[in-house]
């Protein structure tokens, strides 16, 4: 098979690889048991999960805003997470950045036979901007499926496919995917009343778990509540991601008005005072929305 040199030993490292080597050395120093950073030394794969997700979302936000300077910075922060995980695993002798890179290299070559296979094996190679990207996607999925079959046989094919499908999704979106697929396979309530009963059941179990002081159990029960609410959303044809994003936006809008009313500081304010300002902010936003709707209606009725 043709393609990139599998030795990973370019004769001229160049500025990119030199900069990457310097960054790797910095991460190694941060994790040095004697001279490193206490915070970095405390980190584990599990403790870094929130930061991986945060940095990935910030990369997406920079892309949406078209801010190249911000995007470069956030991609750097995301790269740091990759290097930290590689360093932690390397210290335990499990894997290192070289293994990560070689594994990705081999997978990309294997899943792109239309680019890297010998011409005799791919007489009509699908390459370049004039190629067929839809055909590439079909080939990619077929190769992935073959890899999975070769890796392990399974007595639960739907569960395995779902596990692979949701692996890269945010938990809320993954829950919706799982819920839909399970329902389509027949694992479903007879009516939405059954879903509401499940919500009440899970809420009761969450309250009991919190009252017990068992944080691990409470965490599990919180997940059960959220998963059941995703099922409510599915039954009602609602989008939980959009719903939560809207709530975040509304909260920040109202909270900013409360802050502004108090000169930027909430310190020393009573709960009744804050609640009154919160309700005032809600009313202001509602009036503003009503005026906007009326203005839009007037505009739509204007004209010859």
C-alpha atoms as a PDB file:
ATOM      1  CA  UNK A   1       0.000   0.000   0.000  1.00  0.00           C
ATOM      2  CA  UNK A   2       1.281   3.446  -0.840  1.00  0.00           C
ATOM      3  CA  UNK A   3       0.857   6.544   1.313  1.00  0.00           C
ATOM      4  CA  UNK A   4       2.625   8.236   4.200  1.00  0.00           C
ATOM      5  CA  UNK A   5       5.855   6.694   5.436  1.00  0.00           C
ATOM      6  CA  UNK A   6       4.987   4.392   8.348  1.00  0.00           C
ATOM      7  CA  UNK A   7       8.379   5.024   9.984  1.00  0.00           C
ATOM      8  CA  UNK A   8       7.404   8.533  11.161  1.00  0.00           C
ATOM      9  CA  UNK A   9      11.037   9.621  10.753  1.00  0.00           C
ATOM     10  CA  UNK A  10      11.183  12.589   8.352  1.00  0.00           C
ATOM     11  CA  UNK A  11      14.644  13.701   7.372  1.00  0.00           C
ATOM     12  CA  UNK A  12      13.744  17.360   7.963  1.00  0.00           C
ATOM     13  CA  UNK A  13      11.539  17.752  11.063  1.00  0.00           C
ATOM     14  CA  UNK A  14      10.607  21.307  10.139  1.00  0.00           C
ATOM     15  CA  UNK A  15       9.109  24.021  12.347  1.00  0.00           C
ATOM     16  CA  UNK A  16       5.819  22.219  12.970  1.00  0.00           C
ATOM     17  CA  UNK A  17       7.367  19.058  14.423  1.00  0.00           C
ATOM     18  CA  UNK A  18       9.938  21.122  16.316  1.00  0.00           C
ATOM     19  CA  UNK A  19       7.145  23.193  17.905  1.00  0.00           C
ATOM     20  CA  UNK A  20       5.212  20.023  18.744  1.00  0.00           C
ATOM     21  CA  UNK A  21       8.301  18.479  20.350  1.00  0.00           C
ATOM     22  CA  UNK A  22       8.709  21.595  22.484  1.00  0.00           C
ATOM     23  CA  UNK A  23       5.068  21.395  23.567  1.00  0.00           C
ATOM     24  CA  UNK A  24       5.444  17.723  24.481  1.00  0.00           C
ATOM     25  CA  UNK A  25       8.469  18.626  26.607  1.00  0.00           C
ATOM     26  CA  UNK A  26       6.423  21.284  28.428  1.00  0.00           C
ATOM     27  CA  UNK A  27       3.689  18.761  29.260  1.00  0.00           C
ATOM     28  CA  UNK A  28       6.299  16.278  30.485  1.00  0.00           C
ATOM     29  CA  UNK A  29       7.719  18.970  32.775  1.00  0.00           C
ATOM     30  CA  UNK A  30       4.261  19.835  34.109  1.00  0.00           C
ATOM     31  CA  UNK A  31       3.830  16.169  35.086  1.00  0.00           C
ATOM     32  CA  UNK A  32       7.322  15.763  36.607  1.00  0.00           C
ATOM     33  CA  UNK A  33       6.836  14.279  40.110  1.00  0.00           C
ATOM     34  CA  UNK A  34       9.598  16.410  41.658  1.00  0.00           C
ATOM     35  CA  UNK A  35       9.514  19.682  39.715  1.00  0.00           C
ATOM     36  CA  UNK A  36       6.111  19.695  38.037  1.00  0.00           C
ATOM     37  CA  UNK A  37       2.830  21.484  38.691  1.00  0.00           C
ATOM     38  CA  UNK A  38       0.791  20.113  41.649  1.00  0.00           C
ATOM     39  CA  UNK A  39      -2.497  20.652  39.814  1.00  0.00           C
ATOM     40  CA  UNK A  40      -1.342  18.868  36.656  1.00  0.00           C
ATOM     41  CA  UNK A  41       0.073  16.018  38.732  1.00  0.00           C
ATOM     42  CA  UNK A  42      -3.308  15.493  40.412  1.00  0.00           C
ATOM     43  CA  UNK A  43      -5.108  15.008  37.105  1.00  0.00           C
ATOM     44  CA  UNK A  44      -6.349  11.671  35.807  1.00  0.00           C
ATOM     45  CA  UNK A  45      -8.151  10.620  32.646  1.00  0.00           C
ATOM     46  CA  UNK A  46     -11.447  10.885  34.531  1.00  0.00           C
ATOM     47  CA  UNK A  47     -10.774  14.278  36.102  1.00  0.00           C
ATOM     48  CA  UNK A  48      -9.871  15.759  32.708  1.00  0.00           C
ATOM     49  CA  UNK A  49     -13.125  14.708  30.987  1.00  0.00           C
ATOM     50  CA  UNK A  50     -14.910  18.021  31.744  1.00  0.00           C
ATOM     51  CA  UNK A  51     -11.974  19.958  30.300  1.00  0.00           C
ATOM     52  CA  UNK A  52     -11.897  17.863  27.104  1.00  0.00           C
ATOM     53  CA  UNK A  53     -15.601  18.567  26.571  1.00  0.00           C
ATOM     54  CA  UNK A  54     -15.239  22.244  27.455  1.00  0.00           C
ATOM     55  CA  UNK A  55     -12.349  22.761  25.044  1.00  0.00           C
ATOM     56  CA  UNK A  56     -14.155  20.895  22.239  1.00  0.00           C
ATOM     57  CA  UNK A  57     -17.221  23.105  22.688  1.00  0.00           C
ATOM     58  CA  UNK A  58     -15.022  26.234  22.695  1.00  0.00           C
ATOM     59  CA  UNK A  59     -13.420  25.092  19.429  1.00  0.00           C
ATOM     60  CA  UNK A  60     -16.900  24.703  17.928  1.00  0.00           C
ATOM     61  CA  UNK A  61     -17.898  28.137  19.215  1.00  0.00           C
ATOM     62  CA  UNK A  62     -14.820  29.763  17.649  1.00  0.00           C
ATOM     63  CA  UNK A  63     -15.632  28.070  14.325  1.00  0.00           C
ATOM     64  CA  UNK A  64     -19.235  29.298  14.455  1.00  0.00           C
ATOM     65  CA  UNK A  65     -18.026  32.859  15.057  1.00  0.00           C
ATOM     66  CA  UNK A  66     -15.412  32.728  12.286  1.00  0.00           C
ATOM     67  CA  UNK A  67     -12.685  33.982  14.637  1.00  0.00           C
ATOM     68  CA  UNK A  68      -9.358  32.566  13.424  1.00  0.00           C
ATOM     69  CA  UNK A  69      -7.324  33.962  16.322  1.00  0.00           C
ATOM     70  CA  UNK A  70      -9.721  32.456  18.841  1.00  0.00           C
ATOM     71  CA  UNK A  71      -9.888  29.194  16.871  1.00  0.00           C
ATOM     72  CA  UNK A  72      -6.095  28.815  16.882  1.00  0.00           C
ATOM     73  CA  UNK A  73      -6.035  29.392  20.640  1.00  0.00           C
ATOM     74  CA  UNK A  74      -8.842  26.932  21.354  1.00  0.00           C
ATOM     75  CA  UNK A  75      -7.338  24.258  19.096  1.00  0.00           C
ATOM     76  CA  UNK A  76      -4.171  24.633  21.152  1.00  0.00           C
ATOM     77  CA  UNK A  77      -6.136  24.113  24.360  1.00  0.00           C
ATOM     78  CA  UNK A  78      -7.742  20.990  22.879  1.00  0.00           C
ATOM     79  CA  UNK A  79      -4.328  19.709  21.780  1.00  0.00           C
ATOM     80  CA  UNK A  80      -3.126  20.156  25.365  1.00  0.00           C
ATOM     81  CA  UNK A  81      -5.836  17.753  26.501  1.00  0.00           C
ATOM     82  CA  UNK A  82      -4.616  15.128  24.008  1.00  0.00           C
ATOM     83  CA  UNK A  83      -1.034  15.531  25.209  1.00  0.00           C
ATOM     84  CA  UNK A  84      -2.020  15.340  28.885  1.00  0.00           C
ATOM     85  CA  UNK A  85      -3.957  12.099  28.352  1.00  0.00           C
ATOM     86  CA  UNK A  86      -1.053  10.642  26.367  1.00  0.00           C
ATOM     87  CA  UNK A  87       1.407  11.622  29.095  1.00  0.00           C
ATOM     88  CA  UNK A  88      -0.746  10.160  31.894  1.00  0.00           C
ATOM     89  CA  UNK A  89      -1.077   6.862  30.006  1.00  0.00           C
ATOM     90  CA  UNK A  90       2.630   6.839  29.153  1.00  0.00           C
ATOM     91  CA  UNK A  91       3.572   7.217  32.822  1.00  0.00           C
ATOM     92  CA  UNK A  92       1.503   4.113  33.597  1.00  0.00           C
ATOM     93  CA  UNK A  93       3.065   2.189  30.701  1.00  0.00           C
ATOM     94  CA  UNK A  94      -0.249   1.741  28.863  1.00  0.00           C
ATOM     95  CA  UNK A  95       0.266   3.742  25.652  1.00  0.00           C
ATOM     96  CA  UNK A  96       1.946   6.938  24.511  1.00  0.00           C
ATOM     97  CA  UNK A  97       1.665   9.662  21.887  1.00  0.00           C
ATOM     98  CA  UNK A  98       3.656   7.595  19.372  1.00  0.00           C
ATOM     99  CA  UNK A  99       1.139   4.747  19.627  1.00  0.00           C
ATOM    100  CA  UNK A 100      -1.751   7.198  19.289  1.00  0.00           C
ATOM    101  CA  UNK A 101      -0.186   8.725  16.186  1.00  0.00           C
ATOM    102  CA  UNK A 102       0.664   5.403  14.568  1.00  0.00           C
ATOM    103  CA  UNK A 103      -2.791   4.033  15.291  1.00  0.00           C
ATOM    104  CA  UNK A 104      -4.441   7.052  13.698  1.00  0.00           C
ATOM    105  CA  UNK A 105      -2.041   6.916  10.753  1.00  0.00           C
ATOM    106  CA  UNK A 106      -2.837   3.257  10.072  1.00  0.00           C
ATOM    107  CA  UNK A 107      -6.588   3.756  10.465  1.00  0.00           C
ATOM    108  CA  UNK A 108      -6.676   6.698   8.052  1.00  0.00           C
ATOM    109  CA  UNK A 109      -4.690   4.775   5.445  1.00  0.00           C
ATOM    110  CA  UNK A 110      -6.831   1.651   5.912  1.00  0.00           C
ATOM    111  CA  UNK A 111     -10.108   3.554   5.620  1.00  0.00           C
ATOM    112  CA  UNK A 112      -9.026   5.517   2.542  1.00  0.00           C
ATOM    113  CA  UNK A 113      -8.149   2.771   0.024  1.00  0.00           C
ATOM    114  CA  UNK A 114      -9.328   5.091  -2.760  1.00  0.00           C
ATOM    115  CA  UNK A 115      -6.396   7.365  -1.895  1.00  0.00           C
ATOM    116  CA  UNK A 116      -3.644   5.083  -0.619  1.00  0.00           C
ATOM    117  CA  UNK A 117      -4.189   1.715  -2.363  1.00  0.00           C
ATOM    118  CA  UNK A 118      -1.992   0.732  -5.270  1.00  0.00           C
ATOM    119  CA  UNK A 119      -3.454   1.790  -8.656  1.00  0.00           C
ATOM    120  CA  UNK A 120      -3.926  -1.881  -9.603  1.00  0.00           C
ATOM    121  CA  UNK A 121      -6.176  -2.394  -6.586  1.00  0.00           C
ATOM    122  CA  UNK A 122      -8.142   0.800  -7.245  1.00  0.00           C
ATOM    123  CA  UNK A 123      -8.218   1.189 -11.053  1.00  0.00           C
ATOM    124  CA  UNK A 124     -10.834   3.963 -10.890  1.00  0.00           C
ATOM    125  CA  UNK A 125      -9.657   5.750  -7.759  1.00  0.00           C
ATOM    126  CA  UNK A 126     -12.160   8.192  -6.311  1.00  0.00           C
ATOM    127  CA  UNK A 127      -9.870  11.123  -5.590  1.00  0.00           C
ATOM    128  CA  UNK A 128      -9.754  14.909  -5.523  1.00  0.00           C
ATOM    129  CA  UNK A 129     -12.407  17.611  -5.576  1.00  0.00           C
ATOM    130  CA  UNK A 130     -14.211  15.946  -8.477  1.00  0.00           C
ATOM    131  CA  UNK A 131     -14.606  12.655  -6.570  1.00  0.00           C
ATOM    132  CA  UNK A 132     -17.773  11.194  -5.077  1.00  0.00           C
ATOM    133  CA  UNK A 133     -17.861  11.967  -1.320  1.00  0.00           C
ATOM    134  CA  UNK A 134     -21.065   9.938  -0.836  1.00  0.00           C
ATOM    135  CA  UNK A 135     -19.316   6.825  -2.123  1.00  0.00           C
ATOM    136  CA  UNK A 136     -16.417   7.529   0.232  1.00  0.00           C
ATOM    137  CA  UNK A 137     -18.803   7.636   3.203  1.00  0.00           C
ATOM    138  CA  UNK A 138     -20.366   4.300   2.217  1.00  0.00           C
ATOM    139  CA  UNK A 139     -16.913   2.737   1.903  1.00  0.00           C
ATOM    140  CA  UNK A 140     -15.798   4.207   5.249  1.00  0.00           C
ATOM    141  CA  UNK A 141     -18.799   2.726   7.089  1.00  0.00           C
ATOM    142  CA  UNK A 142     -18.336  -0.648   5.392  1.00  0.00           C
ATOM    143  CA  UNK A 143     -14.684  -0.766   6.447  1.00  0.00           C
ATOM    144  CA  UNK A 144     -15.631   0.230  10.016  1.00  0.00           C
ATOM    145  CA  UNK A 145     -18.234  -2.552  10.142  1.00  0.00           C
ATOM    146  CA  UNK A 146     -15.721  -5.101   8.856  1.00  0.00           C
ATOM    147  CA  UNK A 147     -13.201  -3.971  11.490  1.00  0.00           C
ATOM    148  CA  UNK A 148     -15.832  -4.457  14.197  1.00  0.00           C
ATOM    149  CA  UNK A 149     -16.687  -7.952  12.960  1.00  0.00           C
ATOM    150  CA  UNK A 150     -13.023  -8.902  12.867  1.00  0.00           C
ATOM    151  CA  UNK A 151     -12.454  -7.469  16.339  1.00  0.00           C
ATOM    152  CA  UNK A 152     -15.214  -9.325  18.157  1.00  0.00           C
ATOM    153  CA  UNK A 153     -18.332 -11.324  17.452  1.00  0.00           C
ATOM    154  CA  UNK A 154     -21.456 -10.151  19.241  1.00  0.00           C
ATOM    155  CA  UNK A 155     -24.738 -11.514  20.550  1.00  0.00           C
ATOM    156  CA  UNK A 156     -26.129  -7.959  20.906  1.00  0.00           C
ATOM    157  CA  UNK A 157     -25.678  -6.307  17.496  1.00  0.00           C
ATOM    158  CA  UNK A 158     -28.066  -3.365  18.086  1.00  0.00           C
ATOM    159  CA  UNK A 159     -26.436  -2.463  21.398  1.00  0.00           C
ATOM    160  CA  UNK A 160     -22.992  -2.680  19.824  1.00  0.00           C
ATOM    161  CA  UNK A 161     -23.974  -0.468  16.899  1.00  0.00           C
ATOM    162  CA  UNK A 162     -25.531   2.068  19.249  1.00  0.00           C
ATOM    163  CA  UNK A 163     -22.480   2.064  21.507  1.00  0.00           C
ATOM    164  CA  UNK A 164     -20.307   2.896  18.519  1.00  0.00           C
ATOM    165  CA  UNK A 165     -22.737   5.472  17.169  1.00  0.00           C
ATOM    166  CA  UNK A 166     -23.104   7.485  20.385  1.00  0.00           C
ATOM    167  CA  UNK A 167     -19.485   7.271  21.492  1.00  0.00           C
ATOM    168  CA  UNK A 168     -18.643  10.686  20.090  1.00  0.00           C
ATOM    169  CA  UNK A 169     -21.956  12.374  20.881  1.00  0.00           C
ATOM    170  CA  UNK A 170     -22.698  14.660  23.838  1.00  0.00           C
ATOM    171  CA  UNK A 171     -24.596  12.654  26.496  1.00  0.00           C
ATOM    172  CA  UNK A 172     -27.934  14.393  25.889  1.00  0.00           C
ATOM    173  CA  UNK A 173     -27.831  13.760  22.137  1.00  0.00           C
ATOM    174  CA  UNK A 174     -26.624  10.203  22.765  1.00  0.00           C
ATOM    175  CA  UNK A 175     -29.568   9.565  25.085  1.00  0.00           C
ATOM    176  CA  UNK A 176     -31.988  10.667  22.352  1.00  0.00           C
ATOM    177  CA  UNK A 177     -30.295   8.397  19.801  1.00  0.00           C
ATOM    178  CA  UNK A 178     -30.460   5.407  22.143  1.00  0.00           C
ATOM    179  CA  UNK A 179     -34.073   6.161  23.070  1.00  0.00           C
ATOM    180  CA  UNK A 180     -35.192   6.367  19.444  1.00  0.00           C
ATOM    181  CA  UNK A 181     -33.399   3.210  18.336  1.00  0.00           C
ATOM    182  CA  UNK A 182     -34.595   1.187  21.331  1.00  0.00           C
ATOM    183  CA  UNK A 183     -38.180   2.354  20.747  1.00  0.00           C
ATOM    184  CA  UNK A 184     -37.955   1.446  17.057  1.00  0.00           C
ATOM    185  CA  UNK A 185     -36.836  -2.052  18.097  1.00  0.00           C
ATOM    186  CA  UNK A 186     -39.966  -2.420  20.262  1.00  0.00           C
ATOM    187  CA  UNK A 187     -38.615  -1.377  23.671  1.00  0.00           C
ATOM    188  CA  UNK A 188     -41.288   1.239  24.234  1.00  0.00           C
ATOM    189  CA  UNK A 189     -44.091   2.361  26.552  1.00  0.00           C
ATOM    190  CA  UNK A 190     -47.668   1.910  25.369  1.00  0.00           C
ATOM    191  CA  UNK A 191     -48.526   5.567  26.058  1.00  0.00           C
ATOM    192  CA  UNK A 192     -46.950   8.737  27.353  1.00  0.00           C
ATOM    193  CA  UNK A 193     -48.660   8.150  30.710  1.00  0.00           C
ATOM    194  CA  UNK A 194     -46.180   5.351  31.261  1.00  0.00           C
ATOM    195  CA  UNK A 195     -43.312   7.748  30.585  1.00  0.00           C
ATOM    196  CA  UNK A 196     -44.651  10.264  33.127  1.00  0.00           C
ATOM    197  CA  UNK A 197     -44.972   7.476  35.706  1.00  0.00           C
ATOM    198  CA  UNK A 198     -41.340   6.591  35.042  1.00  0.00           C
ATOM    199  CA  UNK A 199     -40.334  10.237  35.548  1.00  0.00           C
ATOM    200  CA  UNK A 200     -42.055  10.278  38.964  1.00  0.00           C
ATOM    201  CA  UNK A 201     -40.447   6.954  39.890  1.00  0.00           C
ATOM    202  CA  UNK A 202     -36.964   8.168  38.952  1.00  0.00           C
ATOM    203  CA  UNK A 203     -37.430  11.485  40.776  1.00  0.00           C
ATOM    204  CA  UNK A 204     -38.415   9.628  43.945  1.00  0.00           C
ATOM    205  CA  UNK A 205     -35.333   7.417  43.636  1.00  0.00           C
ATOM    206  CA  UNK A 206     -33.122  10.479  43.107  1.00  0.00           C
ATOM    207  CA  UNK A 207     -34.513  12.169  46.218  1.00  0.00           C
ATOM    208  CA  UNK A 208     -33.906   9.029  48.268  1.00  0.00           C
ATOM    209  CA  UNK A 209     -30.354   8.674  46.942  1.00  0.00           C
ATOM    210  CA  UNK A 210     -29.533  12.315  47.731  1.00  0.00           C
ATOM    211  CA  UNK A 211     -31.004  11.966  51.223  1.00  0.00           C
ATOM    212  CA  UNK A 212     -28.863   8.866  51.831  1.00  0.00           C
ATOM    213  CA  UNK A 213     -25.667  10.844  51.247  1.00  0.00           C
ATOM    214  CA  UNK A 214     -24.397   8.290  48.715  1.00  0.00           C
ATOM    215  CA  UNK A 215     -23.021  10.541  45.965  1.00  0.00           C
ATOM    216  CA  UNK A 216     -22.275   7.700  43.539  1.00  0.00           C
ATOM    217  CA  UNK A 217     -25.840   6.395  43.831  1.00  0.00           C
ATOM    218  CA  UNK A 218     -27.265   9.904  43.531  1.00  0.00           C
ATOM    219  CA  UNK A 219     -25.202  10.441  40.365  1.00  0.00           C
ATOM    220  CA  UNK A 220     -26.671   7.276  38.838  1.00  0.00           C
ATOM    221  CA  UNK A 221     -30.207   8.297  39.756  1.00  0.00           C
ATOM    222  CA  UNK A 222     -29.691  11.787  38.315  1.00  0.00           C
ATOM    223  CA  UNK A 223     -28.691  10.146  35.042  1.00  0.00           C
ATOM    224  CA  UNK A 224     -31.827   8.018  35.137  1.00  0.00           C
ATOM    225  CA  UNK A 225     -33.997  11.127  35.612  1.00  0.00           C
ATOM    226  CA  UNK A 226     -32.338  12.911  32.694  1.00  0.00           C
ATOM    227  CA  UNK A 227     -32.617   9.852  30.437  1.00  0.00           C
ATOM    228  CA  UNK A 228     -36.315   9.504  31.232  1.00  0.00           C
ATOM    229  CA  UNK A 229     -36.905  13.198  30.489  1.00  0.00           C
ATOM    230  CA  UNK A 230     -35.241  12.648  27.111  1.00  0.00           C
ATOM    231  CA  UNK A 231     -37.896   9.982  26.499  1.00  0.00           C
ATOM    232  CA  UNK A 232     -40.563  12.570  27.342  1.00  0.00           C
ATOM    233  CA  UNK A 233     -38.999  14.859  24.750  1.00  0.00           C
ATOM    234  CA  UNK A 234     -39.042  12.072  22.165  1.00  0.00           C
ATOM    235  CA  UNK A 235     -42.707  11.314  22.799  1.00  0.00           C
ATOM    236  CA  UNK A 236     -43.566  15.021  22.480  1.00  0.00           C
ATOM    237  CA  UNK A 237     -41.347  15.565  19.393  1.00  0.00           C
ATOM    238  CA  UNK A 238     -39.229  18.074  21.315  1.00  0.00           C
ATOM    239  CA  UNK A 239     -35.501  18.726  21.026  1.00  0.00           C
ATOM    240  CA  UNK A 240     -33.882  18.502  24.494  1.00  0.00           C
ATOM    241  CA  UNK A 241     -30.625  20.076  23.273  1.00  0.00           C
ATOM    242  CA  UNK A 242     -32.477  23.100  21.886  1.00  0.00           C
ATOM    243  CA  UNK A 243     -34.651  23.285  24.986  1.00  0.00           C
ATOM    244  CA  UNK A 244     -31.682  23.334  27.355  1.00  0.00           C
ATOM    245  CA  UNK A 245     -29.771  25.801  25.160  1.00  0.00           C
ATOM    246  CA  UNK A 246     -32.800  28.111  25.236  1.00  0.00           C
ATOM    247  CA  UNK A 247     -33.026  27.843  29.024  1.00  0.00           C
ATOM    248  CA  UNK A 248     -29.325  28.695  29.350  1.00  0.00           C
ATOM    249  CA  UNK A 249     -29.829  31.755  27.165  1.00  0.00           C
ATOM    250  CA  UNK A 250     -32.932  32.899  29.066  1.00  0.00           C
ATOM    251  CA  UNK A 251     -31.239  32.449  32.424  1.00  0.00           C
ATOM    252  CA  UNK A 252     -28.219  34.513  31.380  1.00  0.00           C
ATOM    253  CA  UNK A 253     -30.478  37.218  29.914  1.00  0.00           C
ATOM    254  CA  UNK A 254     -32.484  37.487  33.152  1.00  0.00           C
ATOM    255  CA  UNK A 255     -29.416  37.198  35.379  1.00  0.00           C
ATOM    256  CA  UNK A 256     -27.630  39.994  33.518  1.00  0.00           C
ATOM    257  CA  UNK A 257     -30.617  42.271  34.164  1.00  0.00           C
ATOM    258  CA  UNK A 258     -30.576  41.414  37.874  1.00  0.00           C
ATOM    259  CA  UNK A 259     -26.852  42.192  37.989  1.00  0.00           C
ATOM    260  CA  UNK A 260     -27.360  45.472  36.161  1.00  0.00           C
ATOM    261  CA  UNK A 261     -30.148  46.496  38.558  1.00  0.00           C
ATOM    262  CA  UNK A 262     -27.758  45.929  41.481  1.00  0.00           C
ATOM    263  CA  UNK A 263     -24.799  47.719  39.952  1.00  0.00           C
ATOM    264  CA  UNK A 264     -22.973  44.503  39.075  1.00  0.00           C
ATOM    265  CA  UNK A 265     -22.827  42.922  42.545  1.00  0.00           C
ATOM    266  CA  UNK A 266     -25.244  40.541  44.297  1.00  0.00           C
ATOM    267  CA  UNK A 267     -23.278  40.478  47.523  1.00  0.00           C
ATOM    268  CA  UNK A 268     -25.336  41.073  50.661  1.00  0.00           C
ATOM    269  CA  UNK A 269     -28.684  40.965  48.877  1.00  0.00           C
ATOM    270  CA  UNK A 270     -31.540  38.956  50.361  1.00  0.00           C
ATOM    271  CA  UNK A 271     -33.231  36.116  48.521  1.00  0.00           C
ATOM    272  CA  UNK A 272     -36.627  37.933  48.424  1.00  0.00           C
ATOM    273  CA  UNK A 273     -34.927  40.989  46.882  1.00  0.00           C
ATOM    274  CA  UNK A 274     -33.179  38.850  44.261  1.00  0.00           C
ATOM    275  CA  UNK A 275     -36.396  36.967  43.479  1.00  0.00           C
ATOM    276  CA  UNK A 276     -38.282  40.253  43.012  1.00  0.00           C
ATOM    277  CA  UNK A 277     -35.626  41.510  40.589  1.00  0.00           C
ATOM    278  CA  UNK A 278     -35.706  38.141  38.792  1.00  0.00           C
ATOM    279  CA  UNK A 279     -39.453  38.386  38.263  1.00  0.00           C
ATOM    280  CA  UNK A 280     -39.021  41.992  37.135  1.00  0.00           C
ATOM    281  CA  UNK A 281     -36.427  40.903  34.582  1.00  0.00           C
ATOM    282  CA  UNK A 282     -38.778  38.183  33.297  1.00  0.00           C
ATOM    283  CA  UNK A 283     -41.542  40.745  32.891  1.00  0.00           C
ATOM    284  CA  UNK A 284     -39.232  43.154  31.046  1.00  0.00           C
ATOM    285  CA  UNK A 285     -38.134  40.451  28.625  1.00  0.00           C
ATOM    286  CA  UNK A 286     -41.725  39.357  28.065  1.00  0.00           C
ATOM    287  CA  UNK A 287     -42.813  42.934  27.258  1.00  0.00           C
ATOM    288  CA  UNK A 288     -39.877  43.365  24.905  1.00  0.00           C
ATOM    289  CA  UNK A 289     -40.775  40.131  23.090  1.00  0.00           C
ATOM    290  CA  UNK A 290     -44.428  41.172  22.792  1.00  0.00           C
ATOM    291  CA  UNK A 291     -43.433  44.547  21.328  1.00  0.00           C
ATOM    292  CA  UNK A 292     -41.141  42.821  18.846  1.00  0.00           C
ATOM    293  CA  UNK A 293     -43.916  40.457  17.773  1.00  0.00           C
ATOM    294  CA  UNK A 294     -46.339  43.362  17.331  1.00  0.00           C
ATOM    295  CA  UNK A 295     -43.789  45.322  15.331  1.00  0.00           C
ATOM    296  CA  UNK A 296     -43.204  42.279  13.143  1.00  0.00           C
ATOM    297  CA  UNK A 297     -46.931  41.863  12.598  1.00  0.00           C
ATOM    298  CA  UNK A 298     -47.338  45.523  11.668  1.00  0.00           C
ATOM    299  CA  UNK A 299     -44.431  45.301   9.260  1.00  0.00           C
ATOM    300  CA  UNK A 300     -45.834  42.187   7.608  1.00  0.00           C
ATOM    301  CA  UNK A 301     -49.102  43.990   7.016  1.00  0.00           C
ATOM    302  CA  UNK A 302     -47.489  47.096   5.537  1.00  0.00           C
ATOM    303  CA  UNK A 303     -46.928  47.754   1.865  1.00  0.00           C
ATOM    304  CA  UNK A 304     -49.045  48.394  -1.212  1.00  0.00           C
END
